[in-house]
Structure formats: structure tokens, C-alpha cells
């Protein structure tokens, strides 16, 4: 019995897929970027958002956003497998937002 439970859990971890989506801005800036990371929570087969949508203006404030990456990392997948062992209720993702300083133009 314990063998089957352990095998089922290992199979769920192995079959759990990781995915990544990039949203990159077309700019030629080569400045150093600052990256902010947070988890985004979805529930019930990922049909309902549990956390607010990512607000780039709020995160980057006086900076320009350079890229946004959403991914289901191994840690997200592991948490999903553990929590969803009973029922499919929680699907976290990691969101990385890269911000670069805005260019200030000198107008004479």
C-alpha cells in the first residue's frame, strides 16, 4: 500500500510540467535592470485568480518595464502536487518583472 502511494506521488512529481512565457519589450536599452519576483495564485483548475493581476506601473513605479516572465517552476509544481493530492484546487506560478531606469531627456 505505501509502495503504491509513494510511486503515485513520485509519478505526479515527474509528470508535472514546467512552463515559461516571456513578454519582452522592444527597446534598445542596455542599462542594468532590477528584477522583482512574486507568486501568482490560481484556483480550481486555474479558472479563478486568487491574487490580483500583476500591475507593472505599481511594481516598476518610476521605471520602465523591460520584460515579464511567468513560469511554473519546479517549486511551483511541487507545491501544486502536494496541495492537489486531495483535489485540484491551487495552481501557483512565479512572475518575474524586470524594470530599467527611465531615460530623462534634457530639453533646452
PDB file of N, CA and C in Angstrom:
ATOM      1  N   UNK A   1       0.823  -1.196   0.000  1.00  0.00           N
ATOM      2  CA  UNK A   1       0.000   0.000   0.000  1.00  0.00           C
ATOM      3  C   UNK A   1       0.865   1.257   0.000  1.00  0.00           C
ATOM      4  N   UNK A   2       1.854   1.354   0.912  1.00  0.00           N
ATOM      5  CA  UNK A   2       2.731   2.517   0.961  1.00  0.00           C
ATOM      6  C   UNK A   2       3.550   2.636  -0.319  1.00  0.00           C
ATOM      7  N   UNK A   3       3.886   1.499  -0.901  1.00  0.00           N
ATOM      8  CA  UNK A   3       4.638   1.482  -2.150  1.00  0.00           C
ATOM      9  C   UNK A   3       3.848   2.178  -3.259  1.00  0.00           C
ATOM     10  N   UNK A   4       2.545   1.882  -3.332  1.00  0.00           N
ATOM     11  CA  UNK A   4       1.699   2.483  -4.365  1.00  0.00           C
ATOM     12  C   UNK A   4       1.539   3.987  -4.156  1.00  0.00           C
ATOM     13  N   UNK A   5       1.399   4.410  -2.910  1.00  0.00           N
ATOM     14  CA  UNK A   5       1.271   5.845  -2.629  1.00  0.00           C
ATOM     15  C   UNK A   5       2.566   6.565  -2.982  1.00  0.00           C
ATOM     16  N   UNK A   6       3.691   6.003  -2.597  1.00  0.00           N
ATOM     17  CA  UNK A   6       4.990   6.606  -2.927  1.00  0.00           C
ATOM     18  C   UNK A   6       5.226   6.663  -4.417  1.00  0.00           C
ATOM     19  N   UNK A   7       4.881   5.601  -5.119  1.00  0.00           N
ATOM     20  CA  UNK A   7       5.035   5.558  -6.574  1.00  0.00           C
ATOM     21  C   UNK A   7       4.116   6.575  -7.245  1.00  0.00           C
ATOM     22  N   UNK A   8       2.897   6.699  -6.745  1.00  0.00           N
ATOM     23  CA  UNK A   8       1.949   7.685  -7.298  1.00  0.00           C
ATOM     24  C   UNK A   8       2.453   9.101  -7.091  1.00  0.00           C
ATOM     25  N   UNK A   9       2.971   9.390  -5.907  1.00  0.00           N
ATOM     26  CA  UNK A   9       3.495  10.730  -5.628  1.00  0.00           C
ATOM     27  C   UNK A   9       4.703  11.034  -6.502  1.00  0.00           C
ATOM     28  N   UNK A  10       5.611  10.062  -6.648  1.00  0.00           N
ATOM     29  CA  UNK A  10       6.790  10.258  -7.494  1.00  0.00           C
ATOM     30  C   UNK A  10       6.387  10.459  -8.952  1.00  0.00           C
ATOM     31  N   UNK A  11       5.403   9.729  -9.411  1.00  0.00           N
ATOM     32  CA  UNK A  11       4.922   9.859 -10.782  1.00  0.00           C
ATOM     33  C   UNK A  11       4.311  11.242 -11.014  1.00  0.00           C
ATOM     34  N   UNK A  12       3.559  11.742 -10.028  1.00  0.00           N
ATOM     35  CA  UNK A  12       2.970  13.083 -10.142  1.00  0.00           C
ATOM     36  C   UNK A  12       4.041  14.154 -10.236  1.00  0.00           C
ATOM     37  N   UNK A  13       5.104  14.019  -9.451  1.00  0.00           N
ATOM     38  CA  UNK A  13       6.200  14.994  -9.487  1.00  0.00           C
ATOM     39  C   UNK A  13       6.917  14.942 -10.830  1.00  0.00           C
ATOM     40  N   UNK A  14       7.175  13.743 -11.332  1.00  0.00           N
ATOM     41  CA  UNK A  14       7.885  13.583 -12.601  1.00  0.00           C
ATOM     42  C   UNK A  14       7.050  14.095 -13.776  1.00  0.00           C
ATOM     43  N   UNK A  15       5.757  13.835 -13.749  1.00  0.00           N
ATOM     44  CA  UNK A  15       4.893  14.239 -14.863  1.00  0.00           C
ATOM     45  C   UNK A  15       4.442  15.697 -14.785  1.00  0.00           C
ATOM     46  N   UNK A  16       4.734  16.352 -13.698  1.00  0.00           N
ATOM     47  CA  UNK A  16       4.350  17.749 -13.542  1.00  0.00           C
ATOM     48  C   UNK A  16       5.193  18.598 -14.501  1.00  0.00           C
ATOM     49  N   UNK A  17       4.545  19.295 -15.398  1.00  0.00           N
ATOM     50  CA  UNK A  17       5.255  20.039 -16.436  1.00  0.00           C
ATOM     51  C   UNK A  17       5.606  21.439 -15.966  1.00  0.00           C
ATOM     52  N   UNK A  18       6.774  21.893 -16.340  1.00  0.00           N
ATOM     53  CA  UNK A  18       7.188  23.269 -16.092  1.00  0.00           C
ATOM     54  C   UNK A  18       7.024  24.041 -17.400  1.00  0.00           C
ATOM     55  N   UNK A  19       6.575  25.286 -17.286  1.00  0.00           N
ATOM     56  CA  UNK A  19       6.404  26.094 -18.491  1.00  0.00           C
ATOM     57  C   UNK A  19       6.845  27.519 -18.211  1.00  0.00           C
ATOM     58  N   UNK A  20       7.235  28.217 -19.270  1.00  0.00           N
ATOM     59  CA  UNK A  20       7.692  29.598 -19.155  1.00  0.00           C
ATOM     60  C   UNK A  20       7.142  30.403 -20.322  1.00  0.00           C
ATOM     61  N   UNK A  21       6.676  31.613 -20.025  1.00  0.00           N
ATOM     62  CA  UNK A  21       6.218  32.548 -21.058  1.00  0.00           C
ATOM     63  C   UNK A  21       6.925  33.877 -20.823  1.00  0.00           C
ATOM     64  N   UNK A  22       7.545  34.414 -21.878  1.00  0.00           N
ATOM     65  CA  UNK A  22       8.238  35.705 -21.796  1.00  0.00           C
ATOM     66  C   UNK A  22       7.449  36.768 -22.543  1.00  0.00           C
ATOM     67  N   UNK A  23       7.366  37.949 -21.948  1.00  0.00           N
ATOM     68  CA  UNK A  23       6.832  39.139 -22.613  1.00  0.00           C
ATOM     69  C   UNK A  23       7.954  40.160 -22.579  1.00  0.00           C
ATOM     70  N   UNK A  24       8.586  40.404 -23.733  1.00  0.00           N
ATOM     71  CA  UNK A  24       9.719  41.314 -23.796  1.00  0.00           C
ATOM     72  C   UNK A  24       9.341  42.571 -24.558  1.00  0.00           C
ATOM     73  N   UNK A  25       9.830  43.687 -24.052  1.00  0.00           N
ATOM     74  CA  UNK A  25       9.608  44.975 -24.686  1.00  0.00           C
ATOM     75  C   UNK A  25      10.681  45.205 -25.730  1.00  0.00           C
ATOM     76  N   UNK A  26      10.318  45.770 -26.865  1.00  0.00           N
ATOM     77  CA  UNK A  26      11.272  46.046 -27.931  1.00  0.00           C
ATOM     78  C   UNK A  26      11.962  47.385 -27.699  1.00  0.00           C
ATOM     79  N   UNK A  27      12.968  47.379 -26.858  1.00  0.00           N
ATOM     80  CA  UNK A  27      13.748  48.585 -26.627  1.00  0.00           C
ATOM     81  C   UNK A  27      15.222  48.237 -26.766  1.00  0.00           C
ATOM     82  N   UNK A  28      15.990  49.236 -27.046  1.00  0.00           N
ATOM     83  CA  UNK A  28      17.425  49.029 -27.226  1.00  0.00           C
ATOM     84  C   UNK A  28      18.226  49.388 -25.980  1.00  0.00           C
ATOM     85  N   UNK A  29      17.570  49.525 -24.867  1.00  0.00           N
ATOM     86  CA  UNK A  29      18.260  49.912 -23.641  1.00  0.00           C
ATOM     87  C   UNK A  29      19.180  48.784 -23.186  1.00  0.00           C
ATOM     88  N   UNK A  30      20.369  49.144 -22.801  1.00  0.00           N
ATOM     89  CA  UNK A  30      21.337  48.183 -22.292  1.00  0.00           C
ATOM     90  C   UNK A  30      21.606  48.410 -20.807  1.00  0.00           C
ATOM     91  N   UNK A  31      20.797  49.222 -20.157  1.00  0.00           N
ATOM     92  CA  UNK A  31      21.004  49.545 -18.743  1.00  0.00           C
ATOM     93  C   UNK A  31      20.743  48.325 -17.865  1.00  0.00           C
ATOM     94  N   UNK A  32      21.285  48.393 -16.676  1.00  0.00           N
ATOM     95  CA  UNK A  32      21.047  47.342 -15.706  1.00  0.00           C
ATOM     96  C   UNK A  32      19.569  47.313 -15.331  1.00  0.00           C
ATOM     97  N   UNK A  33      19.022  46.134 -15.248  1.00  0.00           N
ATOM     98  CA  UNK A  33      17.621  46.013 -14.871  1.00  0.00           C
ATOM     99  C   UNK A  33      17.515  45.430 -13.465  1.00  0.00           C
ATOM    100  N   UNK A  34      16.421  45.778 -12.811  1.00  0.00           N
ATOM    101  CA  UNK A  34      16.126  45.262 -11.483  1.00  0.00           C
ATOM    102  C   UNK A  34      14.955  44.298 -11.648  1.00  0.00           C
ATOM    103  N   UNK A  35      15.066  43.104 -11.076  1.00  0.00           N
ATOM    104  CA  UNK A  35      14.027  42.092 -11.232  1.00  0.00           C
ATOM    105  C   UNK A  35      13.282  41.901  -9.920  1.00  0.00           C
ATOM    106  N   UNK A  36      11.963  41.921 -10.022  1.00  0.00           N
ATOM    107  CA  UNK A  36      11.080  41.671  -8.889  1.00  0.00           C
ATOM    108  C   UNK A  36      10.377  40.338  -9.131  1.00  0.00           C
ATOM    109  N   UNK A  37      10.257  39.539  -8.080  1.00  0.00           N
ATOM    110  CA  UNK A  37       9.653  38.213  -8.224  1.00  0.00           C
ATOM    111  C   UNK A  37       8.515  38.054  -7.223  1.00  0.00           C
ATOM    112  N   UNK A  38       7.427  37.436  -7.687  1.00  0.00           N
ATOM    113  CA  UNK A  38       6.305  37.144  -6.804  1.00  0.00           C
ATOM    114  C   UNK A  38       5.569  35.917  -7.328  1.00  0.00           C
ATOM    115  N   UNK A  39       4.793  35.302  -6.449  1.00  0.00           N
ATOM    116  CA  UNK A  39       3.953  34.176  -6.854  1.00  0.00           C
ATOM    117  C   UNK A  39       2.572  34.691  -7.201  1.00  0.00           C
ATOM    118  N   UNK A  40       1.987  34.105  -8.231  1.00  0.00           N
ATOM    119  CA  UNK A  40       0.615  34.422  -8.636  1.00  0.00           C
ATOM    120  C   UNK A  40      -0.215  33.164  -8.401  1.00  0.00           C
ATOM    121  N   UNK A  41      -1.376  33.312  -7.766  1.00  0.00           N
ATOM    122  CA  UNK A  41      -2.164  32.158  -7.343  1.00  0.00           C
ATOM    123  C   UNK A  41      -3.445  32.015  -8.164  1.00  0.00           C
ATOM    124  N   UNK A  42      -3.663  30.823  -8.692  1.00  0.00           N
ATOM    125  CA  UNK A  42      -4.894  30.474  -9.402  1.00  0.00           C
ATOM    126  C   UNK A  42      -5.534  29.286  -8.684  1.00  0.00           C
ATOM    127  N   UNK A  43      -6.861  29.205  -8.774  1.00  0.00           N
ATOM    128  CA  UNK A  43      -7.585  28.145  -8.076  1.00  0.00           C
ATOM    129  C   UNK A  43      -8.553  27.430  -9.008  1.00  0.00           C
ATOM    130  N   UNK A  44      -8.945  26.224  -8.616  1.00  0.00           N
ATOM    131  CA  UNK A  44      -9.947  25.408  -9.305  1.00  0.00           C
ATOM    132  C   UNK A  44      -9.658  25.271 -10.802  1.00  0.00           C
ATOM    133  N   UNK A  45      -8.694  24.415 -11.105  1.00  0.00           N
ATOM    134  CA  UNK A  45      -8.248  24.151 -12.477  1.00  0.00           C
ATOM    135  C   UNK A  45      -7.724  25.415 -13.156  1.00  0.00           C
ATOM    136  N   UNK A  46      -7.220  26.360 -12.378  1.00  0.00           N
ATOM    137  CA  UNK A  46      -6.678  27.638 -12.857  1.00  0.00           C
ATOM    138  C   UNK A  46      -7.739  28.497 -13.546  1.00  0.00           C
ATOM    139  N   UNK A  47      -8.985  28.329 -13.166  1.00  0.00           N
ATOM    140  CA  UNK A  47     -10.073  29.123 -13.744  1.00  0.00           C
ATOM    141  C   UNK A  47     -10.299  30.431 -12.993  1.00  0.00           C
ATOM    142  N   UNK A  48      -9.876  30.501 -11.740  1.00  0.00           N
ATOM    143  CA  UNK A  48     -10.098  31.693 -10.918  1.00  0.00           C
ATOM    144  C   UNK A  48      -8.763  32.225 -10.393  1.00  0.00           C
ATOM    145  N   UNK A  49      -8.570  33.526 -10.512  1.00  0.00           N
ATOM    146  CA  UNK A  49      -7.358  34.148  -9.981  1.00  0.00           C
ATOM    147  C   UNK A  49      -7.533  34.441  -8.501  1.00  0.00           C
ATOM    148  N   UNK A  50      -6.590  33.993  -7.696  1.00  0.00           N
ATOM    149  CA  UNK A  50      -6.635  34.247  -6.274  1.00  0.00           C
ATOM    150  C   UNK A  50      -5.869  35.484  -5.867  1.00  0.00           C
ATOM    151  N   UNK A  51      -4.932  35.901  -6.698  1.00  0.00           N
ATOM    152  CA  UNK A  51      -4.189  37.124  -6.431  1.00  0.00           C
ATOM    153  C   UNK A  51      -4.488  38.137  -7.530  1.00  0.00           C
ATOM    154  N   UNK A  52      -4.242  39.392  -7.223  1.00  0.00           N
ATOM    155  CA  UNK A  52      -4.512  40.448  -8.199  1.00  0.00           C
ATOM    156  C   UNK A  52      -3.591  40.297  -9.411  1.00  0.00           C
ATOM    157  N   UNK A  53      -4.035  40.745 -10.585  1.00  0.00           N
ATOM    158  CA  UNK A  53      -3.143  40.738 -11.749  1.00  0.00           C
ATOM    159  C   UNK A  53      -1.897  41.584 -11.480  1.00  0.00           C
ATOM    160  N   UNK A  54      -0.817  41.248 -12.130  1.00  0.00           N
ATOM    161  CA  UNK A  54       0.436  41.967 -11.938  1.00  0.00           C
ATOM    162  C   UNK A  54       0.297  43.366 -12.534  1.00  0.00           C
ATOM    163  N   UNK A  55       0.541  44.374 -11.720  1.00  0.00           N
ATOM    164  CA  UNK A  55       0.438  45.766 -12.140  1.00  0.00           C
ATOM    165  C   UNK A  55       1.850  46.302 -12.363  1.00  0.00           C
ATOM    166  N   UNK A  56       2.240  46.469 -13.628  1.00  0.00           N
ATOM    167  CA  UNK A  56       3.601  46.884 -13.956  1.00  0.00           C
ATOM    168  C   UNK A  56       3.904  48.298 -13.482  1.00  0.00           C
ATOM    169  N   UNK A  57       2.916  49.172 -13.515  1.00  0.00           N
ATOM    170  CA  UNK A  57       3.125  50.549 -13.050  1.00  0.00           C
ATOM    171  C   UNK A  57       3.399  50.554 -11.548  1.00  0.00           C
ATOM    172  N   UNK A  58       2.688  49.736 -10.821  1.00  0.00           N
ATOM    173  CA  UNK A  58       2.867  49.656  -9.369  1.00  0.00           C
ATOM    174  C   UNK A  58       4.215  49.037  -9.004  1.00  0.00           C
ATOM    175  N   UNK A  59       4.635  48.033  -9.741  1.00  0.00           N
ATOM    176  CA  UNK A  59       5.893  47.350  -9.440  1.00  0.00           C
ATOM    177  C   UNK A  59       7.096  48.185  -9.853  1.00  0.00           C
ATOM    178  N   UNK A  60       7.089  48.714 -11.075  1.00  0.00           N
ATOM    179  CA  UNK A  60       8.245  49.452 -11.586  1.00  0.00           C
ATOM    180  C   UNK A  60       8.247  50.923 -11.156  1.00  0.00           C
ATOM    181  N   UNK A  61       7.121  51.454 -10.769  1.00  0.00           N
ATOM    182  CA  UNK A  61       6.951  52.835 -10.326  1.00  0.00           C
ATOM    183  C   UNK A  61       7.528  53.819 -11.336  1.00  0.00           C
ATOM    184  N   UNK A  62       8.665  54.441 -11.060  1.00  0.00           N
ATOM    185  CA  UNK A  62       9.234  55.462 -11.946  1.00  0.00           C
ATOM    186  C   UNK A  62      10.145  54.868 -13.020  1.00  0.00           C
ATOM    187  N   UNK A  63      10.139  53.569 -13.157  1.00  0.00           N
ATOM    188  CA  UNK A  63      10.992  52.895 -14.133  1.00  0.00           C
ATOM    189  C   UNK A  63      10.148  52.324 -15.261  1.00  0.00           C
ATOM    190  N   UNK A  64      10.811  51.956 -16.359  1.00  0.00           N
ATOM    191  CA  UNK A  64      10.140  51.298 -17.479  1.00  0.00           C
ATOM    192  C   UNK A  64      10.263  49.785 -17.294  1.00  0.00           C
ATOM    193  N   UNK A  65       9.191  49.062 -17.626  1.00  0.00           N
ATOM    194  CA  UNK A  65       9.302  47.608 -17.560  1.00  0.00           C
ATOM    195  C   UNK A  65      10.037  47.123 -18.800  1.00  0.00           C
ATOM    196  N   UNK A  66      10.907  46.171 -18.619  1.00  0.00           N
ATOM    197  CA  UNK A  66      11.710  45.628 -19.710  1.00  0.00           C
ATOM    198  C   UNK A  66      11.186  44.264 -20.151  1.00  0.00           C
ATOM    199  N   UNK A  67      10.854  43.406 -19.195  1.00  0.00           N
ATOM    200  CA  UNK A  67      10.324  42.081 -19.533  1.00  0.00           C
ATOM    201  C   UNK A  67       9.496  41.544 -18.371  1.00  0.00           C
ATOM    202  N   UNK A  68       8.584  40.652 -18.726  1.00  0.00           N
ATOM    203  CA  UNK A  68       7.764  39.940 -17.742  1.00  0.00           C
ATOM    204  C   UNK A  68       7.848  38.460 -18.096  1.00  0.00           C
ATOM    205  N   UNK A  69       8.124  37.658 -17.094  1.00  0.00           N
ATOM    206  CA  UNK A  69       8.222  36.212 -17.317  1.00  0.00           C
ATOM    207  C   UNK A  69       7.304  35.519 -16.325  1.00  0.00           C
ATOM    208  N   UNK A  70       6.399  34.696 -16.828  1.00  0.00           N
ATOM    209  CA  UNK A  70       5.580  33.853 -15.965  1.00  0.00           C
ATOM    210  C   UNK A  70       6.027  32.414 -16.191  1.00  0.00           C
ATOM    211  N   UNK A  71       6.152  31.690 -15.101  1.00  0.00           N
ATOM    212  CA  UNK A  71       6.594  30.302 -15.246  1.00  0.00           C
ATOM    213  C   UNK A  71       6.018  29.436 -14.142  1.00  0.00           C
ATOM    214  N   UNK A  72       5.864  28.186 -14.482  1.00  0.00           N
ATOM    215  CA  UNK A  72       5.567  27.165 -13.491  1.00  0.00           C
ATOM    216  C   UNK A  72       6.895  26.485 -13.232  1.00  0.00           C
ATOM    217  N   UNK A  73       7.522  26.857 -12.137  1.00  0.00           N
ATOM    218  CA  UNK A  73       8.835  26.329 -11.800  1.00  0.00           C
ATOM    219  C   UNK A  73       8.691  24.973 -11.108  1.00  0.00           C
ATOM    220  N   UNK A  74       9.815  24.349 -10.845  1.00  0.00           N
ATOM    221  CA  UNK A  74       9.783  23.068 -10.140  1.00  0.00           C
ATOM    222  C   UNK A  74       9.162  23.231  -8.763  1.00  0.00           C
ATOM    223  N   UNK A  75       9.504  24.324  -8.068  1.00  0.00           N
ATOM    224  CA  UNK A  75       8.945  24.565  -6.741  1.00  0.00           C
ATOM    225  C   UNK A  75       7.433  24.783  -6.808  1.00  0.00           C
ATOM    226  N   UNK A  76       6.961  25.518  -7.840  1.00  0.00           N
ATOM    227  CA  UNK A  76       5.517  25.674  -8.030  1.00  0.00           C
ATOM    228  C   UNK A  76       4.857  24.326  -8.281  1.00  0.00           C
ATOM    229  N   UNK A  77       5.484  23.516  -9.117  1.00  0.00           N
ATOM    230  CA  UNK A  77       4.938  22.197  -9.432  1.00  0.00           C
ATOM    231  C   UNK A  77       4.912  21.278  -8.227  1.00  0.00           C
ATOM    232  N   UNK A  78       5.950  21.356  -7.415  1.00  0.00           N
ATOM    233  CA  UNK A  78       5.993  20.544  -6.208  1.00  0.00           C
ATOM    234  C   UNK A  78       4.881  20.957  -5.236  1.00  0.00           C
ATOM    235  N   UNK A  79       4.699  22.274  -5.070  1.00  0.00           N
ATOM    236  CA  UNK A  79       3.624  22.756  -4.194  1.00  0.00           C
ATOM    237  C   UNK A  79       2.258  22.346  -4.740  1.00  0.00           C
ATOM    238  N   UNK A  80       2.091  22.439  -6.050  1.00  0.00           N
ATOM    239  CA  UNK A  80       0.834  22.039  -6.672  1.00  0.00           C
ATOM    240  C   UNK A  80       0.545  20.562  -6.438  1.00  0.00           C
ATOM    241  N   UNK A  81       1.558  19.730  -6.593  1.00  0.00           N
ATOM    242  CA  UNK A  81       1.379  18.290  -6.416  1.00  0.00           C
ATOM    243  C   UNK A  81       0.981  17.955  -4.984  1.00  0.00           C
ATOM    244  N   UNK A  82       1.635  18.583  -4.019  1.00  0.00           N
ATOM    245  CA  UNK A  82       1.346  18.295  -2.618  1.00  0.00           C
ATOM    246  C   UNK A  82      -0.066  18.743  -2.251  1.00  0.00           C
ATOM    247  N   UNK A  83      -0.428  19.970  -2.635  1.00  0.00           N
ATOM    248  CA  UNK A  83      -1.737  20.507  -2.266  1.00  0.00           C
ATOM    249  C   UNK A  83      -2.861  19.820  -3.039  1.00  0.00           C
ATOM    250  N   UNK A  84      -2.638  19.533  -4.311  1.00  0.00           N
ATOM    251  CA  UNK A  84      -3.685  18.975  -5.150  1.00  0.00           C
ATOM    252  C   UNK A  84      -3.773  17.455  -5.070  1.00  0.00           C
ATOM    253  N   UNK A  85      -3.116  16.855  -4.099  1.00  0.00           N
ATOM    254  CA  UNK A  85      -3.210  15.406  -3.929  1.00  0.00           C
ATOM    255  C   UNK A  85      -4.648  14.997  -3.597  1.00  0.00           C
ATOM    256  N   UNK A  86      -5.344  15.857  -2.849  1.00  0.00           N
ATOM    257  CA  UNK A  86      -6.727  15.584  -2.469  1.00  0.00           C
ATOM    258  C   UNK A  86      -7.695  16.036  -3.555  1.00  0.00           C
ATOM    259  N   UNK A  87      -7.538  17.268  -4.022  1.00  0.00           N
ATOM    260  CA  UNK A  87      -8.430  17.824  -5.037  1.00  0.00           C
ATOM    261  C   UNK A  87      -7.684  18.921  -5.796  1.00  0.00           C
ATOM    262  N   UNK A  88      -8.014  19.135  -7.072  1.00  0.00           N
ATOM    263  CA  UNK A  88      -7.318  20.154  -7.874  1.00  0.00           C
ATOM    264  C   UNK A  88      -7.792  21.566  -7.518  1.00  0.00           C
ATOM    265  N   UNK A  89      -7.124  22.190  -6.538  1.00  0.00           N
ATOM    266  CA  UNK A  89      -7.622  23.485  -6.076  1.00  0.00           C
ATOM    267  C   UNK A  89      -6.649  24.644  -6.235  1.00  0.00           C
ATOM    268  N   UNK A  90      -5.337  24.413  -6.280  1.00  0.00           N
ATOM    269  CA  UNK A  90      -4.378  25.532  -6.261  1.00  0.00           C
ATOM    270  C   UNK A  90      -3.308  25.344  -7.319  1.00  0.00           C
ATOM    271  N   UNK A  91      -3.067  26.389  -8.120  1.00  0.00           N
ATOM    272  CA  UNK A  91      -2.072  26.348  -9.187  1.00  0.00           C
ATOM    273  C   UNK A  91      -1.231  27.618  -9.145  1.00  0.00           C
ATOM    274  N   UNK A  92      -0.106  27.619  -8.429  1.00  0.00           N
ATOM    275  CA  UNK A  92       0.726  28.825  -8.359  1.00  0.00           C
ATOM    276  C   UNK A  92       1.651  28.951  -9.564  1.00  0.00           C
ATOM    277  N   UNK A  93       2.020  30.183  -9.861  1.00  0.00           N
ATOM    278  CA  UNK A  93       3.023  30.490 -10.883  1.00  0.00           C
ATOM    279  C   UNK A  93       3.974  31.535 -10.308  1.00  0.00           C
ATOM    280  N   UNK A  94       5.186  31.567 -10.808  1.00  0.00           N
ATOM    281  CA  UNK A  94       6.150  32.592 -10.430  1.00  0.00           C
ATOM    282  C   UNK A  94       6.170  33.648 -11.522  1.00  0.00           C
ATOM    283  N   UNK A  95       6.108  34.914 -11.125  1.00  0.00           N
ATOM    284  CA  UNK A  95       6.140  36.034 -12.065  1.00  0.00           C
ATOM    285  C   UNK A  95       7.385  36.861 -11.776  1.00  0.00           C
ATOM    286  N   UNK A  96       8.226  37.051 -12.793  1.00  0.00           N
ATOM    287  CA  UNK A  96       9.410  37.904 -12.704  1.00  0.00           C
ATOM    288  C   UNK A  96       9.186  39.137 -13.570  1.00  0.00           C
ATOM    289  N   UNK A  97       9.356  40.322 -12.986  1.00  0.00           N
ATOM    290  CA  UNK A  97       9.221  41.585 -13.721  1.00  0.00           C
ATOM    291  C   UNK A  97      10.567  42.289 -13.682  1.00  0.00           C
ATOM    292  N   UNK A  98      11.115  42.615 -14.854  1.00  0.00           N
ATOM    293  CA  UNK A  98      12.376  43.349 -14.935  1.00  0.00           C
ATOM    294  C   UNK A  98      12.091  44.792 -15.290  1.00  0.00           C
ATOM    295  N   UNK A  99      12.653  45.704 -14.496  1.00  0.00           N
ATOM    296  CA  UNK A  99      12.450  47.135 -14.706  1.00  0.00           C
ATOM    297  C   UNK A  99      13.799  47.800 -14.958  1.00  0.00           C
ATOM    298  N   UNK A 100      13.816  48.793 -15.829  1.00  0.00           N
ATOM    299  CA  UNK A 100      15.026  49.569 -16.095  1.00  0.00           C
ATOM    300  C   UNK A 100      14.728  51.035 -15.839  1.00  0.00           C
ATOM    301  N   UNK A 101      15.737  51.807 -15.444  1.00  0.00           N
ATOM    302  CA  UNK A 101      15.516  53.226 -15.204  1.00  0.00           C
ATOM    303  C   UNK A 101      15.036  53.930 -16.473  1.00  0.00           C
ATOM    304  N   UNK A 102      14.095  54.878 -16.298  1.00  0.00           N
ATOM    305  CA  UNK A 102      13.586  55.660 -17.432  1.00  0.00           C
ATOM    306  C   UNK A 102      14.653  56.621 -17.900  1.00  0.00           C
ATOM    307  N   UNK A 103      14.644  56.898 -19.199  1.00  0.00           N
ATOM    308  CA  UNK A 103      15.562  57.894 -19.743  1.00  0.00           C
ATOM    309  C   UNK A 103      14.994  59.282 -19.491  1.00  0.00           C
ATOM    310  N   UNK A 104      15.803  60.165 -18.987  1.00  0.00           N
ATOM    311  CA  UNK A 104      15.389  61.546 -18.769  1.00  0.00           C
ATOM    312  C   UNK A 104      16.051  62.392 -19.845  1.00  0.00           C
ATOM    313  N   UNK A 105      15.237  62.996 -20.664  1.00  0.00           N
ATOM    314  CA  UNK A 105      15.783  63.797 -21.769  1.00  0.00           C
ATOM    315  C   UNK A 105      15.946  65.230 -21.314  1.00  0.00           C
ATOM    316  N   UNK A 106      17.050  65.839 -21.708  1.00  0.00           N
ATOM    317  CA  UNK A 106      17.305  67.239 -21.396  1.00  0.00           C
ATOM    318  C   UNK A 106      16.839  68.101 -22.558  1.00  0.00           C
ATOM    319  N   UNK A 107      15.782  68.819 -22.350  1.00  0.00           N
ATOM    320  CA  UNK A 107      15.242  69.682 -23.386  1.00  0.00           C
ATOM    321  C   UNK A 107      15.660  71.109 -23.077  1.00  0.00           C
ATOM    322  N   UNK A 108      16.397  71.763 -23.993  1.00  0.00           N
ATOM    323  CA  UNK A 108      16.857  73.141 -23.783  1.00  0.00           C
ATOM    324  C   UNK A 108      15.964  74.113 -24.492  1.00  0.00           C
TER     325      UNK A 108
END
